[in-house]
PDB file of all heavy atoms in Angstrom:
ATOM      1  N   GLY A   1      57.238 166.948-114.039  1.00  0.00           N
ATOM      2  CA  GLY A   1      56.805 167.744-115.077  1.00  0.00           C
ATOM      3  C   GLY A   1      55.431 167.261-115.468  1.00  0.00           C
ATOM      4  O   GLY A   1      54.636 168.136-116.175  1.00  0.00           O
ATOM      5  N   ALA A   2      54.724 166.227-115.206  1.00  0.00           N
ATOM      6  CA  ALA A   2      53.457 165.833-115.486  1.00  0.00           C
ATOM      7  C   ALA A   2      52.537 166.253-114.545  1.00  0.00           C
ATOM      8  O   ALA A   2      52.794 166.424-113.250  1.00  0.00           O
ATOM      9  CB  ALA A   2      53.447 164.320-115.583  1.00  0.00           C
ATOM     10  N   PRO A   3      51.262 166.490-114.852  1.00  0.00           N
ATOM     11  CA  PRO A   3      50.253 166.958-113.886  1.00  0.00           C
ATOM     12  C   PRO A   3      49.941 165.823-112.818  1.00  0.00           C
ATOM     13  O   PRO A   3      50.007 164.611-113.291  1.00  0.00           O
ATOM     14  CB  PRO A   3      49.038 167.127-114.774  1.00  0.00           C
ATOM     15  CG  PRO A   3      49.515 167.407-116.107  1.00  0.00           C
ATOM     16  CD  PRO A   3      50.721 166.559-116.214  1.00  0.00           C
ATOM     17  N   LEU A   4      49.995 166.237-111.665  1.00  0.00           N
ATOM     18  CA  LEU A   4      49.861 165.097-110.574  1.00  0.00           C
ATOM     19  C   LEU A   4      48.408 164.538-110.702  1.00  0.00           C
ATOM     20  O   LEU A   4      47.392 165.169-110.993  1.00  0.00           O
ATOM     21  CB  LEU A   4      50.026 165.770-109.239  1.00  0.00           C
ATOM     22  CG  LEU A   4      51.400 166.167-108.743  1.00  0.00           C
ATOM     23  CD1 LEU A   4      51.478 166.775-107.417  1.00  0.00           C
ATOM     24  CD2 LEU A   4      52.394 164.956-108.862  1.00  0.00           C
ATOM     25  N   TRP A   5      48.374 163.241-110.524  1.00  0.00           N
ATOM     26  CA  TRP A   5      47.111 162.477-110.594  1.00  0.00           C
ATOM     27  C   TRP A   5      46.411 162.481-109.336  1.00  0.00           C
ATOM     28  O   TRP A   5      47.056 161.781-108.328  1.00  0.00           O
ATOM     29  CB  TRP A   5      47.473 161.070-111.235  1.00  0.00           C
ATOM     30  CG  TRP A   5      46.143 160.280-111.501  1.00  0.00           C
ATOM     31  CD1 TRP A   5      45.547 159.470-110.805  1.00  0.00           C
ATOM     32  CD2 TRP A   5      45.276 160.488-112.580  1.00  0.00           C
ATOM     33  NE1 TRP A   5      44.427 158.987-111.327  1.00  0.00           N
ATOM     34  CE2 TRP A   5      44.243 159.606-112.571  1.00  0.00           C
ATOM     35  CE3 TRP A   5      45.405 161.327-113.850  1.00  0.00           C
ATOM     36  CZ2 TRP A   5      43.184 159.511-113.603  1.00  0.00           C
ATOM     37  CZ3 TRP A   5      44.463 161.110-114.827  1.00  0.00           C
ATOM     38  CH2 TRP A   5      43.419 160.123-114.594  1.00  0.00           C
ATOM     39  N   LYS A   6      45.249 162.892-109.078  1.00  0.00           N
ATOM     40  CA  LYS A   6      44.643 162.877-107.763  1.00  0.00           C
ATOM     41  C   LYS A   6      43.359 162.160-107.764  1.00  0.00           C
ATOM     42  O   LYS A   6      42.647 161.989-106.760  1.00  0.00           O
ATOM     43  CB  LYS A   6      44.362 164.244-107.333  1.00  0.00           C
ATOM     44  CG  LYS A   6      45.528 165.069-107.103  1.00  0.00           C
ATOM     45  CD  LYS A   6      45.305 166.462-106.553  1.00  0.00           C
ATOM     46  CE  LYS A   6      46.561 167.397-106.404  1.00  0.00           C
ATOM     47  NZ  LYS A   6      46.284 168.761-105.989  1.00  0.00           N
ATOM     48  N   ASP A   7      42.845 161.549-108.923  1.00  0.00           N
ATOM     49  CA  ASP A   7      41.749 160.711-109.061  1.00  0.00           C
ATOM     50  C   ASP A   7      41.879 159.387-108.564  1.00  0.00           C
ATOM     51  O   ASP A   7      42.291 158.364-109.363  1.00  0.00           O
ATOM     52  CB  ASP A   7      41.190 160.777-110.506  1.00  0.00           C
ATOM     53  CG  ASP A   7      39.731 160.203-110.601  1.00  0.00           C
ATOM     54  OD1 ASP A   7      39.189 159.962-109.647  1.00  0.00           O
ATOM     55  OD2 ASP A   7      39.154 160.396-111.846  1.00  0.00           O
ATOM     56  N   TYR A   8      41.586 159.182-107.241  1.00  0.00           N
ATOM     57  CA  TYR A   8      41.835 157.877-106.646  1.00  0.00           C
ATOM     58  C   TYR A   8      41.120 156.776-107.274  1.00  0.00           C
ATOM     59  O   TYR A   8      39.911 156.854-107.495  1.00  0.00           O
ATOM     60  CB  TYR A   8      41.556 158.025-105.156  1.00  0.00           C
ATOM     61  CG  TYR A   8      41.762 156.848-104.274  1.00  0.00           C
ATOM     62  CD1 TYR A   8      43.094 156.215-104.180  1.00  0.00           C
ATOM     63  CD2 TYR A   8      40.711 156.252-103.648  1.00  0.00           C
ATOM     64  CE1 TYR A   8      43.159 155.155-103.334  1.00  0.00           C
ATOM     65  CE2 TYR A   8      40.845 155.070-102.809  1.00  0.00           C
ATOM     66  CZ  TYR A   8      42.239 154.574-102.630  1.00  0.00           C
ATOM     67  OH  TYR A   8      42.388 153.395-101.857  1.00  0.00           O
ATOM     68  N   GLN A   9      41.869 155.539-107.470  1.00  0.00           N
ATOM     69  CA  GLN A   9      41.287 154.347-107.994  1.00  0.00           C
ATOM     70  C   GLN A   9      40.705 154.535-109.438  1.00  0.00           C
ATOM     71  O   GLN A   9      39.963 153.710-109.928  1.00  0.00           O
ATOM     72  CB  GLN A   9      40.209 153.727-107.173  1.00  0.00           C
ATOM     73  CG  GLN A   9      40.699 153.448-105.731  1.00  0.00           C
ATOM     74  CD  GLN A   9      39.634 152.566-104.915  1.00  0.00           C
ATOM     75  OE1 GLN A   9      38.541 152.378-105.482  1.00  0.00           O
ATOM     76  NE2 GLN A   9      39.999 152.396-103.610  1.00  0.00           N
ATOM     77  N   ASN A  10      41.299 155.475-110.162  1.00  0.00           N
ATOM     78  CA  ASN A  10      40.813 155.732-111.614  1.00  0.00           C
ATOM     79  C   ASN A  10      42.057 155.218-112.424  1.00  0.00           C
ATOM     80  O   ASN A  10      43.101 156.036-112.454  1.00  0.00           O
ATOM     81  CB  ASN A  10      40.427 157.053-111.925  1.00  0.00           C
ATOM     82  CG  ASN A  10      40.066 157.347-113.323  1.00  0.00           C
ATOM     83  OD1 ASN A  10      40.201 156.396-114.202  1.00  0.00           O
ATOM     84  ND2 ASN A  10      39.392 158.478-113.623  1.00  0.00           N
ATOM     85  N   PHE A  11      41.997 154.181-113.173  1.00  0.00           N
ATOM     86  CA  PHE A  11      43.144 153.716-113.924  1.00  0.00           C
ATOM     87  C   PHE A  11      42.809 153.750-115.452  1.00  0.00           C
ATOM     88  O   PHE A  11      43.067 152.920-116.243  1.00  0.00           O
ATOM     89  CB  PHE A  11      43.558 152.299-113.642  1.00  0.00           C
ATOM     90  CG  PHE A  11      43.879 152.120-112.135  1.00  0.00           C
ATOM     91  CD1 PHE A  11      43.106 151.845-111.136  1.00  0.00           C
ATOM     92  CD2 PHE A  11      45.300 152.432-111.857  1.00  0.00           C
ATOM     93  CE1 PHE A  11      43.579 151.622-109.829  1.00  0.00           C
ATOM     94  CE2 PHE A  11      45.777 152.321-110.474  1.00  0.00           C
ATOM     95  CZ  PHE A  11      44.874 152.038-109.532  1.00  0.00           C
ATOM     96  N   GLY A  12      42.049 154.871-115.789  1.00  0.00           N
ATOM     97  CA  GLY A  12      41.688 155.070-117.240  1.00  0.00           C
ATOM     98  C   GLY A  12      43.099 155.338-118.064  1.00  0.00           C
ATOM     99  O   GLY A  12      44.122 155.637-117.462  1.00  0.00           O
ATOM    100  N   PRO A  13      42.932 155.303-119.418  1.00  0.00           N
ATOM    101  CA  PRO A  13      44.011 155.596-120.239  1.00  0.00           C
ATOM    102  C   PRO A  13      44.662 156.889-120.074  1.00  0.00           C
ATOM    103  O   PRO A  13      45.812 157.113-120.312  1.00  0.00           O
ATOM    104  CB  PRO A  13      43.435 155.407-121.680  1.00  0.00           C
ATOM    105  CG  PRO A  13      42.121 155.650-121.529  1.00  0.00           C
ATOM    106  CD  PRO A  13      41.630 155.065-120.155  1.00  0.00           C
ATOM    107  N   GLU A  14      43.947 157.950-119.618  1.00  0.00           N
ATOM    108  CA  GLU A  14      44.444 159.331-119.367  1.00  0.00           C
ATOM    109  C   GLU A  14      45.533 159.359-118.341  1.00  0.00           C
ATOM    110  O   GLU A  14      46.419 160.156-118.277  1.00  0.00           O
ATOM    111  CB  GLU A  14      43.467 160.373-119.198  1.00  0.00           C
ATOM    112  CG  GLU A  14      42.591 160.091-117.955  1.00  0.00           C
ATOM    113  CD  GLU A  14      41.378 159.085-118.130  1.00  0.00           C
ATOM    114  OE1 GLU A  14      41.410 158.419-119.173  1.00  0.00           O
ATOM    115  OE2 GLU A  14      40.568 159.055-117.295  1.00  0.00           O
ATOM    116  N   ARG A  15      45.467 158.377-117.397  1.00  0.00           N
ATOM    117  CA  ARG A  15      46.492 158.258-116.316  1.00  0.00           C
ATOM    118  C   ARG A  15      47.719 157.804-116.894  1.00  0.00           C
ATOM    119  O   ARG A  15      48.794 158.088-116.282  1.00  0.00           O
ATOM    120  CB  ARG A  15      45.953 157.368-115.322  1.00  0.00           C
ATOM    121  CG  ARG A  15      46.788 157.228-114.036  1.00  0.00           C
ATOM    122  CD  ARG A  15      46.191 156.435-112.947  1.00  0.00           C
ATOM    123  NE  ARG A  15      46.915 156.409-111.744  1.00  0.00           N
ATOM    124  CZ  ARG A  15      46.535 156.001-110.497  1.00  0.00           C
ATOM    125  NH1 ARG A  15      45.391 155.773-110.242  1.00  0.00           N
ATOM    126  NH2 ARG A  15      47.483 155.968-109.516  1.00  0.00           N
ATOM    127  N   PHE A  16      47.823 157.039-117.969  1.00  0.00           N
ATOM    128  CA  PHE A  16      49.041 156.544-118.509  1.00  0.00           C
ATOM    129  C   PHE A  16      49.689 157.361-119.489  1.00  0.00           C
ATOM    130  O   PHE A  16      50.801 157.049-120.080  1.00  0.00           O
ATOM    131  CB  PHE A  16      48.843 155.102-118.946  1.00  0.00           C
ATOM    132  CG  PHE A  16      48.449 154.175-117.865  1.00  0.00           C
ATOM    133  CD1 PHE A  16      47.094 154.015-117.528  1.00  0.00           C
ATOM    134  CD2 PHE A  16      49.352 153.343-117.358  1.00  0.00           C
ATOM    135  CE1 PHE A  16      46.763 153.226-116.486  1.00  0.00           C
ATOM    136  CE2 PHE A  16      48.942 152.423-116.330  1.00  0.00           C
ATOM    137  CZ  PHE A  16      47.565 152.321-115.941  1.00  0.00           C
ATOM    138  N   GLN A  17      49.127 158.491-119.976  1.00  0.00           N
ATOM    139  CA  GLN A  17      49.634 159.078-121.176  1.00  0.00           C
ATOM    140  C   GLN A  17      50.959 159.836-120.888  1.00  0.00           C
ATOM    141  O   GLN A  17      51.696 160.176-121.923  1.00  0.00           O
ATOM    142  CB  GLN A  17      48.510 160.082-121.675  1.00  0.00           C
ATOM    143  CG  GLN A  17      48.193 161.287-120.631  1.00  0.00           C
ATOM    144  CD  GLN A  17      47.347 162.243-121.174  1.00  0.00           C
ATOM    145  OE1 GLN A  17      47.352 162.519-122.442  1.00  0.00           O
ATOM    146  NE2 GLN A  17      46.311 162.604-120.353  1.00  0.00           N
ATOM    147  N   TYR A  18      51.388 160.080-119.575  1.00  0.00           N
ATOM    148  CA  TYR A  18      52.567 160.792-119.376  1.00  0.00           C
ATOM    149  C   TYR A  18      53.680 159.905-118.964  1.00  0.00           C
ATOM    150  O   TYR A  18      54.793 160.255-118.704  1.00  0.00           O
ATOM    151  CB  TYR A  18      52.391 161.786-118.116  1.00  0.00           C
ATOM    152  CG  TYR A  18      51.375 162.863-118.546  1.00  0.00           C
ATOM    153  CD1 TYR A  18      50.095 162.843-118.152  1.00  0.00           C
ATOM    154  CD2 TYR A  18      51.807 164.079-119.208  1.00  0.00           C
ATOM    155  CE1 TYR A  18      49.274 163.851-118.565  1.00  0.00           C
ATOM    156  CE2 TYR A  18      50.946 165.085-119.635  1.00  0.00           C
ATOM    157  CZ  TYR A  18      49.709 164.958-119.052  1.00  0.00           C
ATOM    158  OH  TYR A  18      48.832 166.049-119.483  1.00  0.00           O
ATOM    159  N   LEU A  19      53.402 158.587-119.098  1.00  0.00           N
ATOM    160  CA  LEU A  19      54.585 157.642-118.658  1.00  0.00           C
ATOM    161  C   LEU A  19      55.497 157.511-119.867  1.00  0.00           C
ATOM    162  O   LEU A  19      55.219 157.710-120.916  1.00  0.00           O
ATOM    163  CB  LEU A  19      53.862 156.219-118.349  1.00  0.00           C
ATOM    164  CG  LEU A  19      52.977 156.299-117.233  1.00  0.00           C
ATOM    165  CD1 LEU A  19      52.582 154.841-116.901  1.00  0.00           C
ATOM    166  CD2 LEU A  19      53.487 157.009-115.953  1.00  0.00           C
ATOM    167  N   GLN A  20      56.820 157.270-119.510  1.00  0.00           N
ATOM    168  CA  GLN A  20      57.840 157.059-120.471  1.00  0.00           C
ATOM    169  C   GLN A  20      58.529 155.821-120.097  1.00  0.00           C
ATOM    170  O   GLN A  20      58.721 155.367-118.989  1.00  0.00           O
ATOM    171  CB  GLN A  20      58.764 158.260-120.361  1.00  0.00           C
ATOM    172  CG  GLN A  20      58.099 159.674-120.702  1.00  0.00           C
ATOM    173  CD  GLN A  20      58.959 160.680-120.824  1.00  0.00           C
ATOM    174  OE1 GLN A  20      60.184 160.810-121.494  1.00  0.00           O
ATOM    175  NE2 GLN A  20      58.707 161.841-120.103  1.00  0.00           N
ATOM    176  N   VAL A  21      59.350 155.418-121.245  1.00  0.00           N
ATOM    177  CA  VAL A  21      60.254 154.289-120.958  1.00  0.00           C
ATOM    178  C   VAL A  21      61.528 154.720-120.286  1.00  0.00           C
ATOM    179  O   VAL A  21      61.988 155.860-120.425  1.00  0.00           O
ATOM    180  CB  VAL A  21      60.793 153.684-122.433  1.00  0.00           C
ATOM    181  CG1 VAL A  21      61.650 152.572-122.185  1.00  0.00           C
ATOM    182  CG2 VAL A  21      59.519 153.290-123.180  1.00  0.00           C
ATOM    183  N   GLN A  22      62.077 153.952-119.418  1.00  0.00           N
ATOM    184  CA  GLN A  22      63.264 154.265-118.610  1.00  0.00           C
ATOM    185  C   GLN A  22      64.524 153.620-119.579  1.00  0.00           C
ATOM    186  O   GLN A  22      64.442 152.490-120.000  1.00  0.00           O
ATOM    187  CB  GLN A  22      63.292 153.590-117.196  1.00  0.00           C
ATOM    188  CG  GLN A  22      62.299 154.325-116.345  1.00  0.00           C
ATOM    189  CD  GLN A  22      62.463 153.808-115.008  1.00  0.00           C
ATOM    190  OE1 GLN A  22      62.944 152.745-114.601  1.00  0.00           O
ATOM    191  NE2 GLN A  22      62.033 154.608-113.991  1.00  0.00           N
ATOM    192  N   TYR A  23      65.630 154.316-119.552  1.00  0.00           N
ATOM    193  CA  TYR A  23      66.897 153.802-120.092  1.00  0.00           C
ATOM    194  C   TYR A  23      68.060 154.002-119.110  1.00  0.00           C
ATOM    195  O   TYR A  23      68.164 155.077-118.646  1.00  0.00           O
ATOM    196  CB  TYR A  23      67.113 154.707-121.434  1.00  0.00           C
ATOM    197  CG  TYR A  23      66.055 154.589-122.326  1.00  0.00           C
ATOM    198  CD1 TYR A  23      64.933 155.544-122.386  1.00  0.00           C
ATOM    199  CD2 TYR A  23      66.041 153.583-123.420  1.00  0.00           C
ATOM    200  CE1 TYR A  23      63.957 155.443-123.438  1.00  0.00           C
ATOM    201  CE2 TYR A  23      65.034 153.554-124.332  1.00  0.00           C
ATOM    202  CZ  TYR A  23      64.026 154.422-124.373  1.00  0.00           C
ATOM    203  OH  TYR A  23      62.973 154.358-125.350  1.00  0.00           O
ATOM    204  N   GLN A  24      68.802 153.008-119.093  1.00  0.00           N
ATOM    205  CA  GLN A  24      69.891 152.994-118.113  1.00  0.00           C
ATOM    206  C   GLN A  24      71.246 152.661-118.782  1.00  0.00           C
ATOM    207  O   GLN A  24      71.289 151.575-119.575  1.00  0.00           O
ATOM    208  CB  GLN A  24      69.628 152.053-116.929  1.00  0.00           C
ATOM    209  CG  GLN A  24      68.525 152.422-116.003  1.00  0.00           C
ATOM    210  CD  GLN A  24      68.316 151.484-114.881  1.00  0.00           C
ATOM    211  OE1 GLN A  24      69.042 150.488-114.707  1.00  0.00           O
ATOM    212  NE2 GLN A  24      67.320 151.890-113.982  1.00  0.00           N
ATOM    213  N   PHE A  25      72.168 153.477-118.802  1.00  0.00           N
ATOM    214  CA  PHE A  25      73.465 153.348-119.321  1.00  0.00           C
ATOM    215  C   PHE A  25      74.594 153.292-118.232  1.00  0.00           C
ATOM    216  O   PHE A  25      74.260 153.707-117.177  1.00  0.00           O
ATOM    217  CB  PHE A  25      73.823 154.335-120.414  1.00  0.00           C
ATOM    218  CG  PHE A  25      72.790 154.508-121.496  1.00  0.00           C
ATOM    219  CD1 PHE A  25      71.713 155.318-121.280  1.00  0.00           C
ATOM    220  CD2 PHE A  25      72.781 153.801-122.611  1.00  0.00           C
ATOM    221  CE1 PHE A  25      70.679 155.558-122.271  1.00  0.00           C
ATOM    222  CE2 PHE A  25      71.853 153.908-123.649  1.00  0.00           C
ATOM    223  CZ  PHE A  25      70.810 154.860-123.413  1.00  0.00           C
ATOM    224  N   PRO A  26      75.740 152.836-118.489  1.00  0.00           N
ATOM    225  CA  PRO A  26      76.771 152.902-117.443  1.00  0.00           C
ATOM    226  C   PRO A  26      77.081 154.281-116.828  1.00  0.00           C
ATOM    227  O   PRO A  26      77.251 154.352-115.614  1.00  0.00           O
ATOM    228  CB  PRO A  26      77.998 152.342-118.221  1.00  0.00           C
ATOM    229  CG  PRO A  26      77.557 151.489-119.188  1.00  0.00           C
ATOM    230  CD  PRO A  26      76.232 152.135-119.791  1.00  0.00           C
ATOM    231  N   SER A  27      76.960 155.398-117.701  1.00  0.00           N
ATOM    232  CA  SER A  27      77.324 156.660-117.191  1.00  0.00           C
ATOM    233  C   SER A  27      76.091 157.608-117.018  1.00  0.00           C
ATOM    234  O   SER A  27      76.190 158.625-116.611  1.00  0.00           O
ATOM    235  CB  SER A  27      78.261 157.386-118.117  1.00  0.00           C
ATOM    236  OG  SER A  27      79.366 156.552-118.247  1.00  0.00           O
ATOM    237  N   PHE A  28      74.917 157.114-117.369  1.00  0.00           N
ATOM    238  CA  PHE A  28      73.765 157.955-117.366  1.00  0.00           C
ATOM    239  C   PHE A  28      72.398 157.124-117.149  1.00  0.00           C
ATOM    240  O   PHE A  28      72.498 156.011-117.653  1.00  0.00           O
ATOM    241  CB  PHE A  28      73.695 158.791-118.639  1.00  0.00           C
ATOM    242  CG  PHE A  28      72.442 159.625-118.802  1.00  0.00           C
ATOM    243  CD1 PHE A  28      72.329 160.633-118.044  1.00  0.00           C
ATOM    244  CD2 PHE A  28      71.500 159.343-119.823  1.00  0.00           C
ATOM    245  CE1 PHE A  28      71.133 161.586-118.165  1.00  0.00           C
ATOM    246  CE2 PHE A  28      70.400 160.253-120.091  1.00  0.00           C
ATOM    247  CZ  PHE A  28      70.111 161.286-118.982  1.00  0.00           C
ATOM    248  N   SER A  29      71.515 157.655-116.495  1.00  0.00           N
ATOM    249  CA  SER A  29      70.189 157.136-116.301  1.00  0.00           C
ATOM    250  C   SER A  29      69.152 158.051-116.683  1.00  0.00           C
ATOM    251  O   SER A  29      69.080 159.206-116.069  1.00  0.00           O
ATOM    252  CB  SER A  29      70.030 156.603-114.936  1.00  0.00           C
ATOM    253  OG  SER A  29      68.764 156.083-114.594  1.00  0.00           O
ATOM    254  N   TYR A  30      68.322 157.778-117.566  1.00  0.00           N
ATOM    255  CA  TYR A  30      67.134 158.510-117.856  1.00  0.00           C
ATOM    256  C   TYR A  30      66.042 157.816-117.156  1.00  0.00           C
ATOM    257  O   TYR A  30      65.467 156.844-117.653  1.00  0.00           O
ATOM    258  CB  TYR A  30      66.941 158.635-119.450  1.00  0.00           C
ATOM    259  CG  TYR A  30      65.605 159.386-119.742  1.00  0.00           C
ATOM    260  CD1 TYR A  30      65.708 160.828-119.728  1.00  0.00           C
ATOM    261  CD2 TYR A  30      64.546 158.882-120.205  1.00  0.00           C
ATOM    262  CE1 TYR A  30      64.648 161.503-120.106  1.00  0.00           C
ATOM    263  CE2 TYR A  30      63.333 159.509-120.404  1.00  0.00           C
ATOM    264  CZ  TYR A  30      63.355 160.906-120.357  1.00  0.00           C
ATOM    265  OH  TYR A  30      62.341 161.709-120.688  1.00  0.00           O
ATOM    266  N   SER A  31      65.569 158.326-116.014  1.00  0.00           N
ATOM    267  CA  SER A  31      64.712 157.484-115.188  1.00  0.00           C
ATOM    268  C   SER A  31      63.412 158.370-114.645  1.00  0.00           C
ATOM    269  O   SER A  31      63.327 158.501-113.418  1.00  0.00           O
ATOM    270  CB  SER A  31      65.462 156.833-113.910  1.00  0.00           C
ATOM    271  OG  SER A  31      66.631 156.167-114.394  1.00  0.00           O
TER     272      SER A  31
END
């Protein structure tokens, strides 16, 4: 669902804005 990142070797803050925490439970994984 996030826009694909194609700017090679650019690690600016805009690259990280779509990242989310992962949560893992015995019956479900939000990954």
